[in-house]
C-alpha atoms as a PDB file:
ATOM      1  CA  MET A   1     117.564  98.022  65.203  1.00  0.00           C
ATOM      2  CA  VAL A   2     113.708  98.797  65.324  1.00  0.00           C
ATOM      3  CA  THR A   3     113.082  95.763  67.431  1.00  0.00           C
ATOM      4  CA  GLY A   4     115.766  96.670  69.888  1.00  0.00           C
ATOM      5  CA  SER A   5     114.439 100.198  70.182  1.00  0.00           C
ATOM      6  CA  ILE A   6     111.090  98.887  70.991  1.00  0.00           C
ATOM      7  CA  GLU A   7     112.366  96.465  73.526  1.00  0.00           C
ATOM      8  CA  MET A   8     114.180  99.380  75.151  1.00  0.00           C
ATOM      9  CA  THR A   9     111.139 101.334  75.179  1.00  0.00           C
ATOM     10  CA  VAL A  10     109.159  98.752  76.854  1.00  0.00           C
ATOM     11  CA  PHE A  11     112.028  98.074  79.674  1.00  0.00           C
ATOM     12  CA  GLN A  12     112.227 101.729  80.352  1.00  0.00           C
ATOM     13  CA  ALA A  13     108.406 102.031  80.735  1.00  0.00           C
ATOM     14  CA  ILE A  14     108.409  98.794  83.208  1.00  0.00           C
ATOM     15  CA  GLY A  15     111.298 100.396  85.006  1.00  0.00           C
ATOM     16  CA  GLN A  16     109.593 103.724  85.244  1.00  0.00           C
ATOM     17  CA  PHE A  17     106.511 102.045  86.535  1.00  0.00           C
ATOM     18  CA  ILE A  18     108.197 100.063  89.386  1.00  0.00           C
ATOM     19  CA  SER A  19     110.256 103.094  90.288  1.00  0.00           C
ATOM     20  CA  TYR A  20     107.150 105.307  90.754  1.00  0.00           C
ATOM     21  CA  ALA A  21     105.117 102.505  92.411  1.00  0.00           C
ATOM     22  CA  VAL A  22     108.162 101.868  94.952  1.00  0.00           C
ATOM     23  CA  LEU A  23     108.370 105.602  95.466  1.00  0.00           C
ATOM     24  CA  ALA A  24     104.779 105.802  96.602  1.00  0.00           C
ATOM     25  CA  ILE A  25     105.131 102.777  98.796  1.00  0.00           C
ATOM     26  CA  PHE A  26     107.999 104.268 100.769  1.00  0.00           C
ATOM     27  CA  ALA A  27     109.522 107.681 100.177  1.00  0.00           C
ATOM     28  CA  GLU A  28     106.274 109.217  99.316  1.00  0.00           C
ATOM     29  CA  ASN A  29     104.081 107.018 101.467  1.00  0.00           C
ATOM     30  CA  VAL A  30     100.637 108.805 101.776  1.00  0.00           C
ATOM     31  CA  VAL A  31     100.502 108.175 105.658  1.00  0.00           C
ATOM     32  CA  PHE A  32     104.155 108.822 106.486  1.00  0.00           C
ATOM     33  CA  SER A  33     105.043 111.570 104.205  1.00  0.00           C
ATOM     34  CA  ARG A  34     101.767 113.321 103.765  1.00  0.00           C
ATOM     35  CA  ALA A  35      99.658 112.482 106.836  1.00  0.00           C
ATOM     36  CA  LEU A  36      96.744 111.229 104.589  1.00  0.00           C
ATOM     37  CA  GLY A  37      94.318 108.717 105.997  1.00  0.00           C
ATOM     38  CA  VAL A  38      95.645 108.700 109.520  1.00  0.00           C
ATOM     39  CA  SER A  39      92.613 109.252 111.393  1.00  0.00           C
ATOM     40  CA  ARG A  40      90.996 106.081 109.522  1.00  0.00           C
ATOM     41  CA  LEU A  41      94.258 104.079 110.079  1.00  0.00           C
ATOM     42  CA  THR A  42      94.175 104.868 113.796  1.00  0.00           C
ATOM     43  CA  LYS A  43      90.635 103.452 114.011  1.00  0.00           C
ATOM     44  CA  LEU A  44      91.424 100.584 111.626  1.00  0.00           C
ATOM     45  CA  VAL A  45      94.374  99.093 113.628  1.00  0.00           C
ATOM     46  CA  SER A  46      92.301  99.167 116.826  1.00  0.00           C
ATOM     47  CA  ASP A  47      89.106  97.873 115.219  1.00  0.00           C
ATOM     48  CA  PRO A  48      88.820  94.099 115.899  1.00  0.00           C
ATOM     49  CA  ASP A  49      85.801  93.769 113.803  1.00  0.00           C
ATOM     50  CA  VAL A  50      87.326  95.046 110.600  1.00  0.00           C
ATOM     51  CA  LYS A  51      90.438  92.891 109.182  1.00  0.00           C
ATOM     52  CA  THR A  52      93.159  94.792 107.545  1.00  0.00           C
ATOM     53  CA  TRP A  53      92.711  93.185 104.086  1.00  0.00           C
ATOM     54  CA  GLN A  54      89.044  93.926 104.214  1.00  0.00           C
ATOM     55  CA  TYR A  55      89.576  97.702 103.991  1.00  0.00           C
ATOM     56  CA  CYS A  56      92.978  97.884 102.253  1.00  0.00           C
ATOM     57  CA  THR A  57      92.071  95.775  99.238  1.00  0.00           C
ATOM     58  CA  PRO A  58      89.224  98.295  98.336  1.00  0.00           C
ATOM     59  CA  VAL A  59      91.610 101.150  98.913  1.00  0.00           C
ATOM     60  CA  ILE A  60      94.191  99.680  96.555  1.00  0.00           C
ATOM     61  CA  LEU A  61      91.498  98.913  93.848  1.00  0.00           C
ATOM     62  CA  VAL A  62      90.001 102.301  94.161  1.00  0.00           C
ATOM     63  CA  GLN A  63      93.540 104.001  93.848  1.00  0.00           C
ATOM     64  CA  LEU A  64      94.558 101.933  90.894  1.00  0.00           C
ATOM     65  CA  LEU A  65      91.276 102.484  89.033  1.00  0.00           C
ATOM     66  CA  SER A  66      90.917 106.213  89.817  1.00  0.00           C
ATOM     67  CA  ALA A  67      94.350 107.053  88.577  1.00  0.00           C
ATOM     68  CA  PRO A  68      93.654 106.938  84.886  1.00  0.00           C
ATOM     69  CA  ALA A  69      90.515 108.809  85.382  1.00  0.00           C
ATOM     70  CA  GLY A  70      92.152 111.453  87.242  1.00  0.00           C
ATOM     71  CA  TRP A  71      94.850 111.655  84.288  1.00  0.00           C
ATOM     72  CA  ALA A  72      92.005 112.231  81.952  1.00  0.00           C
ATOM     73  CA  ALA A  73      90.439 114.926  83.967  1.00  0.00           C
ATOM     74  CA  HIS A  74      93.612 116.686  84.443  1.00  0.00           C
ATOM     75  CA  ASN A  75      94.888 116.551  80.907  1.00  0.00           C
ATOM     76  CA  LEU A  76      91.728 116.458  78.876  1.00  0.00           C
ATOM     77  CA  LEU A  77      88.600 117.431  80.871  1.00  0.00           C
ATOM     78  CA  PHE A  78      90.286 120.545  82.581  1.00  0.00           C
ATOM     79  CA  ASN A  79      91.186 122.130  79.393  1.00  0.00           C
ATOM     80  CA  TRP A  80      87.506 121.783  78.033  1.00  0.00           C
ATOM     81  CA  ILE A  81      85.982 123.133  81.327  1.00  0.00           C
ATOM     82  CA  ARG A  82      88.608 126.191  81.234  1.00  0.00           C
ATOM     83  CA  THR A  83      86.573 127.286  78.133  1.00  0.00           C
ATOM     84  CA  TRP A  84      83.361 127.662  80.074  1.00  0.00           C
ATOM     85  CA  LEU A  85      84.402 129.036  83.230  1.00  0.00           C
ATOM     86  CA  PRO A  86      84.206 132.792  84.045  1.00  0.00           C
ATOM     87  CA  ALA A  87      87.383 134.609  84.253  1.00  0.00           C
ATOM     88  CA  TRP A  88      87.097 135.066  88.110  1.00  0.00           C
ATOM     89  CA  MET A  89      86.736 131.266  88.804  1.00  0.00           C
ATOM     90  CA  PRO A  90      89.924 129.265  88.572  1.00  0.00           C
ATOM     91  CA  ILE A  91      89.838 125.905  87.483  1.00  0.00           C
ATOM     92  CA  ALA A  92      91.605 124.680  90.854  1.00  0.00           C
ATOM     93  CA  THR A  93      88.243 125.406  92.700  1.00  0.00           C
ATOM     94  CA  LEU A  94      86.697 122.407  90.912  1.00  0.00           C
ATOM     95  CA  ARG A  95      89.588 120.002  91.194  1.00  0.00           C
ATOM     96  CA  PRO A  96      88.427 118.361  94.485  1.00  0.00           C
ATOM     97  CA  VAL A  97      84.752 117.678  93.045  1.00  0.00           C
ATOM     98  CA  ILE A  98      86.099 116.427  89.862  1.00  0.00           C
ATOM     99  CA  TYR A  99      88.536 114.140  91.518  1.00  0.00           C
ATOM    100  CA  LEU A 100      85.831 112.976  94.129  1.00  0.00           C
ATOM    101  CA  THR A 101      83.842 112.145  91.029  1.00  0.00           C
ATOM    102  CA  CYS A 102      86.677 109.996  89.598  1.00  0.00           C
ATOM    103  CA  ALA A 103      86.904 108.059  92.903  1.00  0.00           C
ATOM    104  CA  ALA A 104      83.166 107.530  92.928  1.00  0.00           C
ATOM    105  CA  LEU A 105      83.451 106.255  89.260  1.00  0.00           C
ATOM    106  CA  ALA A 106      86.279 103.992  90.301  1.00  0.00           C
ATOM    107  CA  MET A 107      84.121 102.698  93.227  1.00  0.00           C
ATOM    108  CA  ALA A 108      81.325 101.813  90.967  1.00  0.00           C
ATOM    109  CA  VAL A 109      83.790  99.760  88.880  1.00  0.00           C
ATOM    110  CA  VAL A 110      85.372  98.181  92.002  1.00  0.00           C
ATOM    111  CA  TRP A 111      81.995  97.018  93.211  1.00  0.00           C
ATOM    112  CA  LEU A 112      81.532  95.034  90.072  1.00  0.00           C
ATOM    113  CA  LEU A 113      84.904  93.555  90.008  1.00  0.00           C
ATOM    114  CA  LEU A 114      84.319  92.303  93.668  1.00  0.00           C
ATOM    115  CA  SER A 115      81.787  89.936  92.183  1.00  0.00           C
ATOM    116  CA  VAL A 116      84.667  87.486  91.458  1.00  0.00           C
ATOM    117  CA  PHE A 117      85.417  87.203  95.209  1.00  0.00           C
ATOM    118  CA  PRO A 118      83.550  84.462  97.108  1.00  0.00           C
ATOM    119  CA  ALA A 119      80.396  85.430  98.684  1.00  0.00           C
ATOM    120  CA  GLY A 120      81.800  85.933 102.504  1.00  0.00           C
ATOM    121  CA  GLN A 121      84.847  88.182 101.253  1.00  0.00           C
ATOM    122  CA  ARG A 122      82.731  90.137  98.559  1.00  0.00           C
ATOM    123  CA  ALA A 123      80.272  91.239 101.558  1.00  0.00           C
ATOM    124  CA  ALA A 124      83.052  92.258 103.712  1.00  0.00           C
ATOM    125  CA  PHE A 125      84.909  94.291 100.867  1.00  0.00           C
ATOM    126  CA  ARG A 126      81.861  95.824  99.763  1.00  0.00           C
ATOM    127  CA  GLU A 127      81.004  96.953 103.268  1.00  0.00           C
ATOM    128  CA  GLN A 128      84.239  98.712 103.374  1.00  0.00           C
ATOM    129  CA  LEU A 129      84.150 100.112 100.013  1.00  0.00           C
ATOM    130  CA  PRO A 130      82.665 103.653 100.654  1.00  0.00           C
ATOM    131  CA  LEU A 131      84.841 104.330 103.539  1.00  0.00           C
ATOM    132  CA  ALA A 132      87.773 103.399 101.555  1.00  0.00           C
ATOM    133  CA  THR A 133      86.752 105.507  98.761  1.00  0.00           C
ATOM    134  CA  CYS A 134      86.107 108.553 100.716  1.00  0.00           C
ATOM    135  CA  ASN A 135      89.581 108.238 102.413  1.00  0.00           C
ATOM    136  CA  CYS A 136      91.688 111.315 101.905  1.00  0.00           C
ATOM    137  CA  CYS A 137      94.435 109.300 100.572  1.00  0.00           C
ATOM    138  CA  VAL A 138      92.567 108.763  97.441  1.00  0.00           C
ATOM    139  CA  LEU A 139      91.885 112.247  96.669  1.00  0.00           C
ATOM    140  CA  GLY A 140      95.363 113.208  97.924  1.00  0.00           C
ATOM    141  CA  THR A 141      96.980 110.878  95.483  1.00  0.00           C
ATOM    142  CA  LEU A 142      95.230 112.517  92.432  1.00  0.00           C
ATOM    143  CA  LEU A 143      96.157 115.930  93.610  1.00  0.00           C
ATOM    144  CA  ILE A 144      99.790 114.951  94.044  1.00  0.00           C
ATOM    145  CA  CYS A 145      99.988 113.304  90.548  1.00  0.00           C
ATOM    146  CA  ALA A 146      98.373 116.297  89.153  1.00  0.00           C
ATOM    147  CA  ASN A 147     100.748 118.900  90.840  1.00  0.00           C
ATOM    148  CA  GLN A 148     103.577 116.740  89.484  1.00  0.00           C
ATOM    149  CA  ASN A 149     102.259 116.460  85.983  1.00  0.00           C
ATOM    150  CA  TYR A 150     102.748 112.791  85.834  1.00  0.00           C
ATOM    151  CA  THR A 151     102.135 110.769  82.645  1.00  0.00           C
ATOM    152  CA  LEU A 152      99.363 108.361  82.393  1.00  0.00           C
ATOM    153  CA  LEU A 153     101.779 105.471  83.350  1.00  0.00           C
ATOM    154  CA  GLN A 154     103.172 107.459  86.267  1.00  0.00           C
ATOM    155  CA  TYR A 155      99.711 108.242  87.390  1.00  0.00           C
ATOM    156  CA  ILE A 156      98.777 104.414  87.537  1.00  0.00           C
ATOM    157  CA  ALA A 157     102.095 103.342  89.154  1.00  0.00           C
ATOM    158  CA  PHE A 158     101.923 106.118  91.760  1.00  0.00           C
ATOM    159  CA  GLY A 159      98.166 105.217  92.474  1.00  0.00           C
ATOM    160  CA  LEU A 160      98.953 101.393  92.956  1.00  0.00           C
ATOM    161  CA  GLY A 161     101.911 102.272  94.940  1.00  0.00           C
ATOM    162  CA  SER A 162      99.843 104.636  97.193  1.00  0.00           C
ATOM    163  CA  GLY A 163      97.277 101.999  97.790  1.00  0.00           C
ATOM    164  CA  VAL A 164      99.909  99.225  98.586  1.00  0.00           C
ATOM    165  CA  GLY A 165     101.748 101.907 100.490  1.00  0.00           C
ATOM    166  CA  TYR A 166      98.588 102.616 102.721  1.00  0.00           C
ATOM    167  CA  LEU A 167      98.557  98.901 103.364  1.00  0.00           C
ATOM    168  CA  VAL A 168     102.037  98.937 104.330  1.00  0.00           C
ATOM    169  CA  ALA A 169     101.714 101.773 106.642  1.00  0.00           C
ATOM    170  CA  VAL A 170      98.592  99.818 108.365  1.00  0.00           C
ATOM    171  CA  LEU A 171     100.668  96.797 108.839  1.00  0.00           C
ATOM    172  CA  VAL A 172     103.608  98.830 110.281  1.00  0.00           C
ATOM    173  CA  VAL A 173     101.293 100.628 112.608  1.00  0.00           C
ATOM    174  CA  ASP A 174      99.587  97.484 113.681  1.00  0.00           C
ATOM    175  CA  GLU A 175     102.831  95.941 114.533  1.00  0.00           C
ATOM    176  CA  GLY A 176     103.757  99.225 116.738  1.00  0.00           C
ATOM    177  CA  ARG A 177     100.417  99.091 118.371  1.00  0.00           C
ATOM    178  CA  ARG A 178     101.310  95.412 119.747  1.00  0.00           C
ATOM    179  CA  ARG A 179     104.950  96.609 120.958  1.00  0.00           C
ATOM    180  CA  LEU A 180     103.362  99.501 122.400  1.00  0.00           C
ATOM    181  CA  ARG A 181     101.190  97.497 124.997  1.00  0.00           C
ATOM    182  CA  SER A 182     104.318  97.629 127.181  1.00  0.00           C
ATOM    183  CA  LYS A 183     103.723  98.474 130.978  1.00  0.00           C
ATOM    184  CA  ASP A 184     106.723 100.506 130.750  1.00  0.00           C
ATOM    185  CA  ILE A 185     104.782 103.310 128.750  1.00  0.00           C
ATOM    186  CA  PRO A 186     103.045 105.971 131.016  1.00  0.00           C
ATOM    187  CA  ALA A 187      99.279 105.406 131.270  1.00  0.00           C
ATOM    188  CA  VAL A 188      98.724 108.752 129.875  1.00  0.00           C
ATOM    189  CA  PHE A 189     100.549 107.899 126.528  1.00  0.00           C
ATOM    190  CA  ARG A 190      98.828 104.745 125.969  1.00  0.00           C
ATOM    191  CA  GLY A 191      96.349 104.247 122.877  1.00  0.00           C
ATOM    192  CA  LEU A 192      95.913 107.181 120.531  1.00  0.00           C
ATOM    193  CA  PRO A 193      98.770 109.296 121.787  1.00  0.00           C
ATOM    194  CA  SER A 194     101.361 106.575 121.453  1.00  0.00           C
ATOM    195  CA  TYR A 195     100.141 105.543 117.889  1.00  0.00           C
ATOM    196  CA  LEU A 196     100.450 109.301 116.732  1.00  0.00           C
ATOM    197  CA  ILE A 197     103.869 109.580 118.381  1.00  0.00           C
ATOM    198  CA  TYR A 198     105.004 106.233 116.759  1.00  0.00           C
ATOM    199  CA  ILE A 199     103.693 107.551 113.262  1.00  0.00           C
ATOM    200  CA  GLY A 200     105.500 110.990 113.700  1.00  0.00           C
ATOM    201  CA  ILE A 201     108.594 109.175 114.353  1.00  0.00           C
ATOM    202  CA  LEU A 202     108.468 107.060 111.473  1.00  0.00           C
ATOM    203  CA  SER A 203     107.494 110.166 109.205  1.00  0.00           C
ATOM    204  CA  LEU A 204     110.641 112.085 110.738  1.00  0.00           C
ATOM    205  CA  ALA A 205     112.829 108.974 109.837  1.00  0.00           C
ATOM    206  CA  ILE A 206     111.498 108.701 106.280  1.00  0.00           C
ATOM    207  CA  TYR A 207     111.949 112.572 105.973  1.00  0.00           C
ATOM    208  CA  GLY A 208     115.570 112.189 107.292  1.00  0.00           C
ATOM    209  CA  LEU A 209     116.369 109.519 104.921  1.00  0.00           C
ATOM    210  CA  MET A 210     114.647 110.758 101.746  1.00  0.00           C
ATOM    211  CA  GLY A 211     113.857 114.354 102.098  1.00  0.00           C
ATOM    212  CA  HIS A 212     110.540 115.607 101.012  1.00  0.00           C
ATOM    213  CA  GLY A 213     111.165 116.575  97.584  1.00  0.00           C
ATOM    214  CA  VAL A 214     111.986 113.391  95.741  1.00  0.00           C
ATOM    215  CA  THR A 215     112.333 113.448  91.955  1.00  0.00           C
ATOM    216  CA  LEU A 216     113.155 110.646  89.419  1.00  0.00           C
END
């Protein structure tokens, strides 16, 4: 009976992890539902010198590793800091700085982990790592998790899903960019305007199918 209960708990944890990761990739995609990282995305898809994997791999790793740090900050560090803050200063004023610190710590770990990659790929990933860490999708993901009071497992799943979701958004917009080269599109809308309209239509489609407040 105890073994069956443990197995059920493990399966429930795996199911919850997968469900929150999928939620972050599609229904709560950081680009299409929150408009986080759009400015960097539009530059990325039109920059021939930077490959998608060179930028998105660091984003995924930073998102994944900053998630447990963000959970620890929200559930442990903030409670300790509140005892030292003056009454007129809410803890929310320090959240962006602390979450940026979590992202910076994750960047340092990712920098070391990239040592296992071949020299050529390692140099390309490390070149994009600072920009990937400073992407507002990283900070935004930690803030979303904190506002939803996610557990540690949910933090990690949502962080991983947000990183993969950013990659999915880049691939979708890049495919749209190729299709938007049609001569039927008026010249005034070509380039950035058509990208933004395309992203907006996709965002409205996701909003219409899923709604904004998705809960599990």
